[in-house]
Amino acid sequence: MKRKNVLFYAGLIMTVLGVLLFFSIVRVGSFSFFHMGRKNIGPVLLVLWCVILALFVYFRSVLFELLLTLITIALIIVIILNVRIYVVTTSMLRFMAILALIFGGAALMIREGS
């Protein structure tokens, strides 16, 4: 195996390991799709999505296909905006090691990939 390939795969392994370690300190909490809060319009979009999907099935049209795509994107955005993501307390040494693995691995892949 060439040296270039070995360094590329070493960078890939470093990046994957760093991302997995980073995900171990990230917590996701309190997602509620059905509360009517400040920015949650999920129930309205869900009903609208179902209506447009039904219309698309009965009357296949480019307009309904476009509307279905836009409403699906809006629904995904609402879900992402309502998820609370936070990083738990960790030591600075562990955090720097995670960043070194992620960015060092990415740098190796970029350098050896070109």
C-alpha atoms as a PDB file:
ATOM      1  CA  MET A   1       0.000   0.000   0.000  1.00  0.00           C
ATOM      2  CA  LYS A   2       1.324   3.425  -0.875  1.00  0.00           C
ATOM      3  CA  ARG A   3       2.280   5.937   1.796  1.00  0.00           C
ATOM      4  CA  LYS A   4      -0.311   8.342   0.407  1.00  0.00           C
ATOM      5  CA  ASN A   5      -3.123   5.852   0.946  1.00  0.00           C
ATOM      6  CA  VAL A   6      -1.951   4.986   4.460  1.00  0.00           C
ATOM      7  CA  LEU A   7      -1.915   8.628   5.537  1.00  0.00           C
ATOM      8  CA  PHE A   8      -5.309   9.263   3.966  1.00  0.00           C
ATOM      9  CA  TYR A   9      -6.886   6.350   5.829  1.00  0.00           C
ATOM     10  CA  ALA A  10      -5.106   7.355   9.038  1.00  0.00           C
ATOM     11  CA  GLY A  11      -6.668  10.799   8.659  1.00  0.00           C
ATOM     12  CA  LEU A  12     -10.059   9.243   8.032  1.00  0.00           C
ATOM     13  CA  ILE A  13      -9.764   7.117  11.170  1.00  0.00           C
ATOM     14  CA  MET A  14      -8.639  10.135  13.202  1.00  0.00           C
ATOM     15  CA  THR A  15     -11.578  12.227  11.978  1.00  0.00           C
ATOM     16  CA  VAL A  16     -14.153   9.509  12.630  1.00  0.00           C
ATOM     17  CA  LEU A  17     -12.727   8.889  16.102  1.00  0.00           C
ATOM     18  CA  GLY A  18     -12.761  12.615  16.899  1.00  0.00           C
ATOM     19  CA  VAL A  19     -16.357  13.018  15.721  1.00  0.00           C
ATOM     20  CA  LEU A  20     -17.460   9.990  17.763  1.00  0.00           C
ATOM     21  CA  LEU A  21     -15.750  11.404  20.855  1.00  0.00           C
ATOM     22  CA  PHE A  22     -17.394  14.778  20.224  1.00  0.00           C
ATOM     23  CA  PHE A  23     -20.804  13.125  19.924  1.00  0.00           C
ATOM     24  CA  SER A  24     -20.208  11.463  23.289  1.00  0.00           C
ATOM     25  CA  ILE A  25     -20.153  14.884  24.999  1.00  0.00           C
ATOM     26  CA  VAL A  26     -23.116  16.342  23.089  1.00  0.00           C
ATOM     27  CA  ARG A  27     -26.584  15.980  24.584  1.00  0.00           C
ATOM     28  CA  VAL A  28     -29.901  16.432  22.818  1.00  0.00           C
ATOM     29  CA  GLY A  29     -32.878  17.318  24.934  1.00  0.00           C
ATOM     30  CA  SER A  30     -36.484  18.371  25.158  1.00  0.00           C
ATOM     31  CA  PHE A  31     -37.819  18.136  21.662  1.00  0.00           C
ATOM     32  CA  SER A  32     -41.559  18.591  21.648  1.00  0.00           C
ATOM     33  CA  PHE A  33     -43.192  18.615  18.239  1.00  0.00           C
ATOM     34  CA  PHE A  34     -46.727  19.287  19.395  1.00  0.00           C
ATOM     35  CA  HIS A  35     -46.475  22.275  21.706  1.00  0.00           C
ATOM     36  CA  MET A  36     -47.565  25.575  20.263  1.00  0.00           C
ATOM     37  CA  GLY A  37     -44.578  27.661  21.195  1.00  0.00           C
ATOM     38  CA  ARG A  38     -42.834  30.672  19.839  1.00  0.00           C
ATOM     39  CA  LYS A  39     -41.407  29.112  16.689  1.00  0.00           C
ATOM     40  CA  ASN A  40     -43.096  25.728  16.530  1.00  0.00           C
ATOM     41  CA  ILE A  41     -45.481  25.544  13.613  1.00  0.00           C
ATOM     42  CA  GLY A  42     -44.959  21.803  13.236  1.00  0.00           C
ATOM     43  CA  PRO A  43     -48.589  20.704  13.651  1.00  0.00           C
ATOM     44  CA  VAL A  44     -49.771  23.179  11.014  1.00  0.00           C
ATOM     45  CA  LEU A  45     -47.045  22.083   8.600  1.00  0.00           C
ATOM     46  CA  LEU A  46     -47.792  18.427   9.278  1.00  0.00           C
ATOM     47  CA  VAL A  47     -51.477  18.871   8.385  1.00  0.00           C
ATOM     48  CA  LEU A  48     -50.550  20.923   5.319  1.00  0.00           C
ATOM     49  CA  TRP A  49     -48.040  18.234   4.292  1.00  0.00           C
ATOM     50  CA  CYS A  50     -50.701  15.516   4.563  1.00  0.00           C
ATOM     51  CA  VAL A  51     -53.207  17.537   2.503  1.00  0.00           C
ATOM     52  CA  ILE A  52     -50.683  18.277  -0.249  1.00  0.00           C
ATOM     53  CA  LEU A  53     -49.545  14.636  -0.254  1.00  0.00           C
ATOM     54  CA  ALA A  54     -53.161  13.504  -0.687  1.00  0.00           C
ATOM     55  CA  LEU A  55     -53.713  16.017  -3.486  1.00  0.00           C
ATOM     56  CA  PHE A  56     -50.462  14.919  -5.143  1.00  0.00           C
ATOM     57  CA  VAL A  57     -51.623  11.292  -5.087  1.00  0.00           C
ATOM     58  CA  TYR A  58     -55.037  12.108  -6.593  1.00  0.00           C
ATOM     59  CA  PHE A  59     -54.029  14.908  -8.962  1.00  0.00           C
ATOM     60  CA  ARG A  60     -50.436  14.356  -9.991  1.00  0.00           C
ATOM     61  CA  SER A  61     -49.118  17.806 -10.866  1.00  0.00           C
ATOM     62  CA  VAL A  62     -45.836  19.694 -10.902  1.00  0.00           C
ATOM     63  CA  LEU A  63     -47.366  22.321  -8.628  1.00  0.00           C
ATOM     64  CA  PHE A  64     -48.271  19.762  -5.950  1.00  0.00           C
ATOM     65  CA  GLU A  65     -44.828  18.166  -6.284  1.00  0.00           C
ATOM     66  CA  LEU A  66     -43.185  21.552  -5.718  1.00  0.00           C
ATOM     67  CA  LEU A  67     -45.454  22.327  -2.764  1.00  0.00           C
ATOM     68  CA  LEU A  68     -44.776  18.902  -1.247  1.00  0.00           C
ATOM     69  CA  THR A  69     -41.029  19.470  -1.545  1.00  0.00           C
ATOM     70  CA  LEU A  70     -41.224  22.941   0.028  1.00  0.00           C
ATOM     71  CA  ILE A  71     -43.428  21.795   2.904  1.00  0.00           C
ATOM     72  CA  THR A  72     -41.126  18.814   3.566  1.00  0.00           C
ATOM     73  CA  ILE A  73     -38.123  21.146   3.754  1.00  0.00           C
ATOM     74  CA  ALA A  74     -40.051  23.491   6.063  1.00  0.00           C
ATOM     75  CA  LEU A  75     -41.019  20.555   8.305  1.00  0.00           C
ATOM     76  CA  ILE A  76     -37.384  19.442   8.579  1.00  0.00           C
ATOM     77  CA  ILE A  77     -36.331  23.010   9.437  1.00  0.00           C
ATOM     78  CA  VAL A  78     -38.985  23.210  12.181  1.00  0.00           C
ATOM     79  CA  ILE A  79     -37.781  19.931  13.677  1.00  0.00           C
ATOM     80  CA  ILE A  80     -34.147  21.116  13.642  1.00  0.00           C
ATOM     81  CA  LEU A  81     -35.041  24.475  15.207  1.00  0.00           C
ATOM     82  CA  ASN A  82     -36.907  22.838  18.077  1.00  0.00           C
ATOM     83  CA  VAL A  83     -34.206  20.369  19.126  1.00  0.00           C
ATOM     84  CA  ARG A  84     -32.039  21.616  21.970  1.00  0.00           C
ATOM     85  CA  ILE A  85     -28.417  20.590  21.515  1.00  0.00           C
ATOM     86  CA  TYR A  86     -25.803  21.342  24.172  1.00  0.00           C
ATOM     87  CA  VAL A  87     -22.312  20.243  25.129  1.00  0.00           C
ATOM     88  CA  VAL A  88     -21.843  18.832  28.611  1.00  0.00           C
ATOM     89  CA  THR A  89     -19.027  19.987  30.866  1.00  0.00           C
ATOM     90  CA  THR A  90     -15.753  18.338  29.973  1.00  0.00           C
ATOM     91  CA  SER A  91     -12.083  18.975  30.597  1.00  0.00           C
ATOM     92  CA  MET A  92     -10.146  21.295  28.341  1.00  0.00           C
ATOM     93  CA  LEU A  93      -7.592  18.564  27.680  1.00  0.00           C
ATOM     94  CA  ARG A  94     -10.266  16.192  26.369  1.00  0.00           C
ATOM     95  CA  PHE A  95     -11.833  18.943  24.263  1.00  0.00           C
ATOM     96  CA  MET A  96      -8.469  19.894  22.722  1.00  0.00           C
ATOM     97  CA  ALA A  97      -7.770  16.205  21.979  1.00  0.00           C
ATOM     98  CA  ILE A  98     -11.130  15.925  20.220  1.00  0.00           C
ATOM     99  CA  LEU A  99     -10.446  19.038  18.137  1.00  0.00           C
ATOM    100  CA  ALA A 100      -6.927  17.811  17.310  1.00  0.00           C
ATOM    101  CA  LEU A 101      -8.300  14.482  16.105  1.00  0.00           C
ATOM    102  CA  ILE A 102     -11.014  16.071  13.977  1.00  0.00           C
ATOM    103  CA  PHE A 103      -8.970  18.836  12.367  1.00  0.00           C
ATOM    104  CA  GLY A 104      -5.710  16.864  12.194  1.00  0.00           C
ATOM    105  CA  GLY A 105      -7.476  13.973  10.486  1.00  0.00           C
ATOM    106  CA  ALA A 106      -9.262  16.310   8.090  1.00  0.00           C
ATOM    107  CA  ALA A 107      -5.969  18.028   7.260  1.00  0.00           C
ATOM    108  CA  LEU A 108      -4.316  14.670   6.525  1.00  0.00           C
ATOM    109  CA  MET A 109      -7.176  13.651   4.257  1.00  0.00           C
ATOM    110  CA  ILE A 110      -7.115  16.964   2.393  1.00  0.00           C
ATOM    111  CA  ARG A 111      -3.333  16.922   2.001  1.00  0.00           C
ATOM    112  CA  GLU A 112      -3.116  13.294   0.861  1.00  0.00           C
ATOM    113  CA  GLY A 113      -6.297  13.361  -1.214  1.00  0.00           C
ATOM    114  CA  SER A 114      -5.092  15.972  -3.656  1.00  0.00           C
END
